[in-house]
Amino acid sequence: MEKKEIIIDVLTVANAISMAGKELLNDVLEKHNISYKEYYLLRHLEKSPGETQYNLLKYTTLTKSRANQIVSKLEKMGYLEKKIEMVGSLLKKPLYLTESGKKIVIDGVEEIYANTIKDLSEEEKLEYKTYRSKMIEILVNMRLTLGTMKPEYLKE
């Protein structure tokens, strides 16, 4: 298979996974009145508690304005909170999920799990884990070329 075909296949699979993920999360998103991007910001904070809004820009393709809007909305809805910390002479405002925010993330993960890998055999789950790791590596490397960084929780 040629490089060009592999890249097209990877992008096609990534797009299909993204669309399927959105579809699987629809009930959770509607129930909590949030968007797909808002859910994944919560998911990122679940994996990286204490992240600042500024650092979110490094790990996502969100603009500063859009990140501010999302954080403000989720904070007003009670799904995340800012804590004020002094680090040396700098004032930091790290973000943390509230219990409600954590519940949304868990609901989403359970929904995706229940509709995807739950019925796989142990061998298929192992193959999935291997494939998933490789896909994450490829996609993160592609994102790095777009100016986003690899989140800490994906560094192993």
N, C-alpha and C. Protein backbone atom coordinates (compact mmCIF):
# COMPACT_ATOMS: atom_id res chain seq x y z
N MET A 1 0.84 -1.17 0.00
CA MET A 1 0.00 0.00 0.00
C MET A 1 0.90 1.25 0.00
N GLU A 2 0.56 2.21 -0.82
CA GLU A 2 1.35 3.42 -0.92
C GLU A 2 1.10 4.34 0.26
N LYS A 3 2.09 5.22 0.52
CA LYS A 3 1.96 6.19 1.62
C LYS A 3 0.67 6.99 1.53
N LYS A 4 0.39 7.47 0.32
CA LYS A 4 -0.79 8.32 0.13
C LYS A 4 -2.06 7.56 0.51
N GLU A 5 -2.17 6.29 0.12
CA GLU A 5 -3.35 5.49 0.44
C GLU A 5 -3.46 5.26 1.95
N ILE A 6 -2.33 5.03 2.61
CA ILE A 6 -2.32 4.81 4.05
C ILE A 6 -2.81 6.06 4.77
N ILE A 7 -2.31 7.23 4.34
CA ILE A 7 -2.72 8.48 4.97
C ILE A 7 -4.21 8.70 4.78
N ILE A 8 -4.71 8.46 3.58
CA ILE A 8 -6.14 8.62 3.32
C ILE A 8 -6.94 7.65 4.19
N ASP A 9 -6.46 6.39 4.31
CA ASP A 9 -7.14 5.41 5.16
C ASP A 9 -7.16 5.86 6.61
N VAL A 10 -6.03 6.35 7.12
CA VAL A 10 -5.95 6.80 8.52
C VAL A 10 -6.93 7.94 8.75
N LEU A 11 -6.95 8.90 7.84
CA LEU A 11 -7.86 10.04 7.98
C LEU A 11 -9.33 9.60 7.88
N THR A 12 -9.60 8.65 7.00
CA THR A 12 -10.96 8.14 6.85
C THR A 12 -11.40 7.43 8.13
N VAL A 13 -10.53 6.60 8.68
CA VAL A 13 -10.85 5.90 9.93
C VAL A 13 -11.02 6.90 11.07
N ALA A 14 -10.13 7.88 11.16
CA ALA A 14 -10.22 8.88 12.23
C ALA A 14 -11.54 9.65 12.12
N ASN A 15 -11.92 10.01 10.92
CA ASN A 15 -13.18 10.73 10.72
C ASN A 15 -14.37 9.84 11.09
N ALA A 16 -14.33 8.58 10.68
CA ALA A 16 -15.43 7.65 10.99
C ALA A 16 -15.55 7.45 12.50
N ILE A 17 -14.41 7.33 13.18
CA ILE A 17 -14.42 7.16 14.64
C ILE A 17 -14.99 8.40 15.30
N SER A 18 -14.58 9.56 14.81
CA SER A 18 -15.07 10.82 15.36
C SER A 18 -16.59 10.93 15.20
N MET A 19 -17.08 10.62 14.01
CA MET A 19 -18.52 10.69 13.75
C MET A 19 -19.28 9.68 14.61
N ALA A 20 -18.73 8.46 14.72
CA ALA A 20 -19.37 7.43 15.54
C ALA A 20 -19.38 7.84 17.00
N GLY A 21 -18.28 8.42 17.47
CA GLY A 21 -18.20 8.88 18.85
C GLY A 21 -19.23 9.94 19.14
N LYS A 22 -19.41 10.87 18.21
CA LYS A 22 -20.43 11.91 18.38
C LYS A 22 -21.82 11.28 18.46
N GLU A 23 -22.06 10.32 17.58
CA GLU A 23 -23.37 9.65 17.56
C GLU A 23 -23.61 8.90 18.87
N LEU A 24 -22.59 8.18 19.36
CA LEU A 24 -22.73 7.43 20.61
C LEU A 24 -22.94 8.35 21.81
N LEU A 25 -22.39 9.54 21.74
CA LEU A 25 -22.49 10.47 22.86
C LEU A 25 -23.73 11.36 22.81
N ASN A 26 -24.49 11.31 21.72
CA ASN A 26 -25.63 12.21 21.55
C ASN A 26 -26.56 12.26 22.77
N ASP A 27 -26.93 11.10 23.29
CA ASP A 27 -27.84 11.07 24.44
C ASP A 27 -27.23 11.76 25.65
N VAL A 28 -25.95 11.49 25.90
CA VAL A 28 -25.26 12.10 27.04
C VAL A 28 -25.17 13.61 26.84
N LEU A 29 -24.82 14.03 25.63
CA LEU A 29 -24.67 15.46 25.34
C LEU A 29 -26.01 16.19 25.50
N GLU A 30 -27.07 15.60 24.96
CA GLU A 30 -28.39 16.21 25.07
C GLU A 30 -28.86 16.26 26.52
N LYS A 31 -28.65 15.19 27.24
CA LYS A 31 -29.07 15.11 28.64
C LYS A 31 -28.42 16.22 29.47
N HIS A 32 -27.17 16.54 29.18
CA HIS A 32 -26.44 17.53 29.96
C HIS A 32 -26.31 18.88 29.26
N ASN A 33 -26.94 19.00 28.09
CA ASN A 33 -26.96 20.25 27.33
C ASN A 33 -25.56 20.79 27.03
N ILE A 34 -24.69 19.89 26.53
CA ILE A 34 -23.34 20.30 26.15
C ILE A 34 -23.03 19.79 24.74
N SER A 35 -21.99 20.36 24.15
CA SER A 35 -21.58 19.96 22.81
C SER A 35 -20.48 18.91 22.90
N TYR A 36 -20.16 18.36 21.76
CA TYR A 36 -19.09 17.37 21.64
C TYR A 36 -17.76 17.97 22.10
N LYS A 37 -17.44 19.19 21.66
CA LYS A 37 -16.19 19.84 22.07
C LYS A 37 -16.17 20.10 23.57
N GLU A 38 -17.31 20.47 24.12
CA GLU A 38 -17.38 20.70 25.56
C GLU A 38 -17.17 19.39 26.33
N TYR A 39 -17.74 18.30 25.81
CA TYR A 39 -17.54 17.00 26.45
C TYR A 39 -16.05 16.64 26.45
N TYR A 40 -15.40 16.81 25.31
CA TYR A 40 -14.00 16.42 25.23
C TYR A 40 -13.09 17.35 26.01
N LEU A 41 -13.48 18.58 26.25
CA LEU A 41 -12.73 19.44 27.16
C LEU A 41 -12.86 18.89 28.58
N LEU A 42 -14.07 18.47 28.97
CA LEU A 42 -14.25 17.83 30.27
C LEU A 42 -13.42 16.56 30.37
N ARG A 43 -13.43 15.78 29.31
CA ARG A 43 -12.66 14.52 29.29
C ARG A 43 -11.16 14.81 29.45
N HIS A 44 -10.69 15.86 28.78
CA HIS A 44 -9.27 16.23 28.90
C HIS A 44 -8.95 16.64 30.35
N LEU A 45 -9.84 17.42 30.96
CA LEU A 45 -9.61 17.85 32.34
C LEU A 45 -9.72 16.69 33.33
N GLU A 46 -10.51 15.69 32.97
CA GLU A 46 -10.59 14.50 33.83
C GLU A 46 -9.24 13.79 33.83
N LYS A 47 -8.59 13.77 32.69
CA LYS A 47 -7.28 13.11 32.56
C LYS A 47 -6.14 14.00 33.05
N SER A 48 -6.34 15.33 32.98
CA SER A 48 -5.29 16.29 33.36
C SER A 48 -5.87 17.36 34.28
N PRO A 49 -6.25 16.99 35.50
CA PRO A 49 -6.83 17.99 36.41
C PRO A 49 -5.81 19.09 36.71
N GLY A 50 -6.31 20.31 36.85
CA GLY A 50 -5.44 21.42 37.17
C GLY A 50 -4.87 22.13 35.95
N GLU A 51 -5.33 21.73 34.78
CA GLU A 51 -4.88 22.36 33.53
C GLU A 51 -5.39 23.80 33.51
N THR A 52 -4.61 24.71 32.98
CA THR A 52 -5.06 26.10 32.85
C THR A 52 -5.69 26.30 31.47
N GLN A 53 -6.49 27.36 31.34
CA GLN A 53 -7.09 27.67 30.04
C GLN A 53 -6.00 27.88 29.00
N TYR A 54 -4.94 28.55 29.39
CA TYR A 54 -3.84 28.81 28.47
C TYR A 54 -3.26 27.49 27.94
N ASN A 55 -3.04 26.53 28.83
CA ASN A 55 -2.48 25.24 28.40
C ASN A 55 -3.45 24.44 27.55
N LEU A 56 -4.76 24.64 27.74
CA LEU A 56 -5.73 23.94 26.90
C LEU A 56 -5.51 24.27 25.43
N LEU A 57 -5.09 25.48 25.15
CA LEU A 57 -4.85 25.89 23.77
C LEU A 57 -3.72 25.09 23.14
N LYS A 58 -2.78 24.63 23.96
CA LYS A 58 -1.65 23.85 23.45
C LYS A 58 -2.07 22.43 23.05
N TYR A 59 -3.11 21.93 23.70
CA TYR A 59 -3.52 20.54 23.50
C TYR A 59 -4.76 20.38 22.62
N THR A 60 -5.32 21.48 22.20
CA THR A 60 -6.53 21.42 21.37
C THR A 60 -6.34 22.34 20.17
N THR A 61 -7.30 22.31 19.29
CA THR A 61 -7.27 23.23 18.16
C THR A 61 -8.25 24.39 18.40
N LEU A 62 -8.65 24.56 19.67
CA LEU A 62 -9.57 25.65 20.02
C LEU A 62 -8.85 26.99 19.96
N THR A 63 -9.58 28.02 19.57
CA THR A 63 -9.04 29.37 19.65
C THR A 63 -9.16 29.83 21.10
N LYS A 64 -8.44 30.88 21.45
CA LYS A 64 -8.51 31.41 22.81
C LYS A 64 -9.93 31.83 23.15
N SER A 65 -10.59 32.49 22.20
CA SER A 65 -11.96 32.96 22.41
C SER A 65 -12.91 31.79 22.64
N ARG A 66 -12.80 30.75 21.81
CA ARG A 66 -13.70 29.59 21.94
C ARG A 66 -13.44 28.84 23.24
N ALA A 67 -12.18 28.69 23.61
CA ALA A 67 -11.84 28.02 24.87
C ALA A 67 -12.43 28.80 26.04
N ASN A 68 -12.32 30.13 26.00
CA ASN A 68 -12.90 30.96 27.07
C ASN A 68 -14.41 30.79 27.15
N GLN A 69 -15.09 30.75 25.99
CA GLN A 69 -16.54 30.56 25.97
C GLN A 69 -16.93 29.22 26.58
N ILE A 70 -16.22 28.17 26.18
CA ILE A 70 -16.54 26.83 26.67
C ILE A 70 -16.31 26.74 28.17
N VAL A 71 -15.17 27.22 28.63
CA VAL A 71 -14.85 27.16 30.06
C VAL A 71 -15.89 27.95 30.85
N SER A 72 -16.24 29.14 30.38
CA SER A 72 -17.23 29.97 31.06
C SER A 72 -18.59 29.25 31.15
N LYS A 73 -19.03 28.64 30.04
CA LYS A 73 -20.31 27.93 30.02
C LYS A 73 -20.28 26.75 30.99
N LEU A 74 -19.23 25.95 30.94
CA LEU A 74 -19.15 24.77 31.79
C LEU A 74 -19.03 25.14 33.26
N GLU A 75 -18.38 26.27 33.52
CA GLU A 75 -18.26 26.75 34.90
C GLU A 75 -19.64 27.20 35.40
N LYS A 76 -20.39 27.94 34.59
CA LYS A 76 -21.73 28.40 34.97
C LYS A 76 -22.69 27.22 35.19
N MET A 77 -22.49 26.16 34.40
CA MET A 77 -23.35 24.99 34.53
C MET A 77 -22.96 24.11 35.71
N GLY A 78 -21.84 24.44 36.35
CA GLY A 78 -21.40 23.68 37.53
C GLY A 78 -20.63 22.41 37.20
N TYR A 79 -20.07 22.32 35.99
CA TYR A 79 -19.34 21.12 35.58
C TYR A 79 -17.84 21.24 35.81
N LEU A 80 -17.34 22.46 35.91
CA LEU A 80 -15.94 22.65 36.25
C LEU A 80 -15.79 23.90 37.09
N GLU A 81 -14.65 23.98 37.77
CA GLU A 81 -14.39 25.14 38.61
C GLU A 81 -12.95 25.58 38.47
N LYS A 82 -12.75 26.89 38.63
CA LYS A 82 -11.40 27.47 38.63
C LYS A 82 -10.99 27.65 40.08
N LYS A 83 -9.77 27.29 40.36
CA LYS A 83 -9.22 27.55 41.69
C LYS A 83 -8.08 28.54 41.51
N ILE A 84 -7.96 29.46 42.42
CA ILE A 84 -6.89 30.46 42.31
C ILE A 84 -5.71 30.00 43.16
N GLU A 85 -4.54 29.96 42.53
CA GLU A 85 -3.32 29.53 43.22
C GLU A 85 -2.20 30.52 42.92
N MET A 86 -1.38 30.78 43.91
CA MET A 86 -0.18 31.58 43.70
C MET A 86 0.98 30.61 43.52
N VAL A 87 1.65 30.72 42.40
CA VAL A 87 2.84 29.91 42.13
C VAL A 87 3.99 30.90 42.01
N GLY A 88 4.74 31.02 43.10
CA GLY A 88 5.75 32.07 43.15
C GLY A 88 5.03 33.40 43.17
N SER A 89 5.34 34.25 42.21
CA SER A 89 4.67 35.54 42.12
C SER A 89 3.58 35.55 41.06
N LEU A 90 3.31 34.38 40.47
CA LEU A 90 2.30 34.28 39.42
C LEU A 90 0.96 33.79 39.97
N LEU A 91 -0.10 34.39 39.48
CA LEU A 91 -1.45 33.97 39.83
C LEU A 91 -1.91 32.98 38.77
N LYS A 92 -2.21 31.76 39.17
CA LYS A 92 -2.68 30.72 38.25
C LYS A 92 -4.13 30.40 38.57
N LYS A 93 -4.88 30.00 37.53
CA LYS A 93 -6.28 29.62 37.71
C LYS A 93 -6.51 28.25 37.07
N PRO A 94 -6.03 27.18 37.75
CA PRO A 94 -6.22 25.85 37.19
C PRO A 94 -7.69 25.44 37.21
N LEU A 95 -8.04 24.56 36.28
CA LEU A 95 -9.41 24.09 36.12
C LEU A 95 -9.54 22.67 36.66
N TYR A 96 -10.64 22.43 37.34
CA TYR A 96 -10.93 21.11 37.90
C TYR A 96 -12.39 20.75 37.64
N LEU A 97 -12.64 19.48 37.42
CA LEU A 97 -14.03 19.03 37.28
C LEU A 97 -14.71 19.01 38.63
N THR A 98 -15.98 19.35 38.62
CA THR A 98 -16.80 19.17 39.82
C THR A 98 -17.30 17.72 39.78
N GLU A 99 -18.02 17.32 40.80
CA GLU A 99 -18.59 15.97 40.80
C GLU A 99 -19.55 15.80 39.63
N SER A 100 -20.31 16.86 39.30
CA SER A 100 -21.22 16.80 38.15
C SER A 100 -20.44 16.62 36.85
N GLY A 101 -19.33 17.34 36.72
CA GLY A 101 -18.49 17.21 35.53
C GLY A 101 -17.92 15.81 35.40
N LYS A 102 -17.47 15.25 36.51
CA LYS A 102 -16.93 13.88 36.50
C LYS A 102 -18.00 12.88 36.08
N LYS A 103 -19.24 13.11 36.54
CA LYS A 103 -20.34 12.20 36.19
C LYS A 103 -20.61 12.22 34.69
N ILE A 104 -20.55 13.40 34.07
CA ILE A 104 -20.76 13.49 32.63
C ILE A 104 -19.71 12.69 31.88
N VAL A 105 -18.46 12.82 32.29
CA VAL A 105 -17.38 12.07 31.64
C VAL A 105 -17.61 10.58 31.79
N ILE A 106 -17.96 10.14 32.99
CA ILE A 106 -18.21 8.72 33.23
C ILE A 106 -19.39 8.24 32.39
N ASP A 107 -20.47 9.02 32.33
CA ASP A 107 -21.63 8.67 31.51
C ASP A 107 -21.22 8.46 30.05
N GLY A 108 -20.40 9.37 29.54
CA GLY A 108 -19.95 9.27 28.14
C GLY A 108 -19.09 8.04 27.90
N VAL A 109 -18.15 7.80 28.80
CA VAL A 109 -17.28 6.63 28.66
C VAL A 109 -18.10 5.35 28.72
N GLU A 110 -19.03 5.27 29.66
CA GLU A 110 -19.87 4.07 29.78
C GLU A 110 -20.74 3.87 28.55
N GLU A 111 -21.25 4.95 27.99
CA GLU A 111 -22.09 4.86 26.79
C GLU A 111 -21.27 4.33 25.61
N ILE A 112 -20.09 4.87 25.44
CA ILE A 112 -19.23 4.42 24.34
C ILE A 112 -18.83 2.96 24.55
N TYR A 113 -18.43 2.61 25.78
CA TYR A 113 -18.02 1.23 26.08
C TYR A 113 -19.18 0.26 25.82
N ALA A 114 -20.36 0.60 26.30
CA ALA A 114 -21.52 -0.28 26.16
C ALA A 114 -21.87 -0.54 24.70
N ASN A 115 -21.54 0.40 23.83
CA ASN A 115 -21.91 0.27 22.43
C ASN A 115 -20.73 -0.06 21.51
N THR A 116 -19.58 -0.36 22.08
CA THR A 116 -18.43 -0.68 21.22
C THR A 116 -17.73 -1.95 21.64
N ILE A 117 -16.80 -1.87 22.59
CA ILE A 117 -15.91 -3.00 22.85
C ILE A 117 -16.40 -3.98 23.91
N LYS A 118 -17.51 -3.71 24.53
CA LYS A 118 -18.02 -4.57 25.60
C LYS A 118 -18.11 -6.04 25.18
N ASP A 119 -18.53 -6.31 23.96
CA ASP A 119 -18.75 -7.69 23.52
C ASP A 119 -17.56 -8.32 22.81
N LEU A 120 -16.42 -7.65 22.82
CA LEU A 120 -15.24 -8.22 22.18
C LEU A 120 -14.64 -9.31 23.06
N SER A 121 -14.01 -10.28 22.41
CA SER A 121 -13.28 -11.32 23.16
C SER A 121 -12.02 -10.69 23.75
N GLU A 122 -11.37 -11.39 24.65
CA GLU A 122 -10.13 -10.88 25.25
C GLU A 122 -9.06 -10.65 24.18
N GLU A 123 -8.99 -11.56 23.21
CA GLU A 123 -8.03 -11.41 22.11
C GLU A 123 -8.34 -10.17 21.28
N GLU A 124 -9.62 -9.96 21.00
CA GLU A 124 -10.03 -8.78 20.22
C GLU A 124 -9.77 -7.49 21.00
N LYS A 125 -9.96 -7.53 22.33
CA LYS A 125 -9.67 -6.35 23.15
C LYS A 125 -8.18 -6.02 23.13
N LEU A 126 -7.34 -7.04 23.14
CA LEU A 126 -5.90 -6.84 23.06
C LEU A 126 -5.52 -6.24 21.70
N GLU A 127 -6.11 -6.78 20.63
CA GLU A 127 -5.86 -6.24 19.29
C GLU A 127 -6.34 -4.79 19.21
N TYR A 128 -7.49 -4.52 19.79
CA TYR A 128 -8.02 -3.16 19.81
C TYR A 128 -7.06 -2.21 20.53
N LYS A 129 -6.56 -2.66 21.68
CA LYS A 129 -5.65 -1.82 22.47
C LYS A 129 -4.39 -1.49 21.68
N THR A 130 -3.86 -2.48 20.97
CA THR A 130 -2.67 -2.27 20.15
C THR A 130 -2.97 -1.30 19.01
N TYR A 131 -4.08 -1.52 18.33
CA TYR A 131 -4.48 -0.67 17.22
C TYR A 131 -4.75 0.75 17.72
N ARG A 132 -5.44 0.87 18.84
CA ARG A 132 -5.76 2.18 19.41
C ARG A 132 -4.48 2.95 19.71
N SER A 133 -3.53 2.30 20.35
CA SER A 133 -2.26 2.97 20.68
C SER A 133 -1.56 3.48 19.44
N LYS A 134 -1.54 2.67 18.40
CA LYS A 134 -0.88 3.08 17.16
C LYS A 134 -1.64 4.23 16.50
N MET A 135 -2.97 4.16 16.48
CA MET A 135 -3.76 5.24 15.89
C MET A 135 -3.55 6.54 16.66
N ILE A 136 -3.52 6.47 17.98
CA ILE A 136 -3.29 7.67 18.79
C ILE A 136 -1.93 8.26 18.45
N GLU A 137 -0.94 7.41 18.35
CA GLU A 137 0.41 7.87 18.00
C GLU A 137 0.41 8.59 16.64
N ILE A 138 -0.23 7.99 15.66
CA ILE A 138 -0.28 8.59 14.31
C ILE A 138 -1.03 9.92 14.35
N LEU A 139 -2.20 9.93 14.99
CA LEU A 139 -3.01 11.14 15.01
C LEU A 139 -2.37 12.25 15.84
N VAL A 140 -1.73 11.89 16.95
CA VAL A 140 -1.05 12.90 17.75
C VAL A 140 0.10 13.50 16.96
N ASN A 141 0.84 12.66 16.24
CA ASN A 141 1.92 13.18 15.41
C ASN A 141 1.38 14.11 14.34
N MET A 142 0.23 13.79 13.78
CA MET A 142 -0.39 14.67 12.79
C MET A 142 -0.80 15.98 13.45
N ARG A 143 -1.34 15.91 14.66
CA ARG A 143 -1.75 17.12 15.37
C ARG A 143 -0.55 17.98 15.71
N LEU A 144 0.58 17.35 16.01
CA LEU A 144 1.78 18.11 16.33
C LEU A 144 2.17 19.01 15.17
N THR A 145 1.91 18.54 13.96
CA THR A 145 2.22 19.36 12.79
C THR A 145 1.26 20.54 12.68
N LEU A 146 0.10 20.45 13.37
CA LEU A 146 -0.86 21.55 13.37
C LEU A 146 -0.60 22.53 14.52
N GLY A 147 0.41 22.25 15.32
CA GLY A 147 0.75 23.15 16.41
C GLY A 147 0.12 22.80 17.74
N THR A 148 -0.39 21.61 17.90
CA THR A 148 -0.92 21.19 19.19
C THR A 148 0.03 20.18 19.80
N MET A 149 0.01 20.11 21.13
CA MET A 149 0.93 19.23 21.85
C MET A 149 0.25 17.94 22.27
N LYS A 150 1.05 16.93 22.53
CA LYS A 150 0.55 15.65 23.01
C LYS A 150 0.21 15.79 24.50
N PRO A 151 -1.04 15.49 24.87
CA PRO A 151 -1.41 15.59 26.29
C PRO A 151 -0.56 14.66 27.15
N GLU A 152 -0.29 15.08 28.37
CA GLU A 152 0.54 14.30 29.30
C GLU A 152 0.02 12.88 29.49
N TYR A 153 -1.30 12.71 29.57
CA TYR A 153 -1.84 11.38 29.84
C TYR A 153 -1.65 10.41 28.69
N LEU A 154 -1.29 10.91 27.49
CA LEU A 154 -0.99 10.02 26.38
C LEU A 154 0.50 9.71 26.27
N LYS A 155 1.32 10.38 27.07
CA LYS A 155 2.77 10.12 27.07
C LYS A 155 3.03 8.93 27.98
N GLU A 156 3.65 7.93 27.43
CA GLU A 156 3.93 6.73 28.24
C GLU A 156 5.36 6.33 28.11
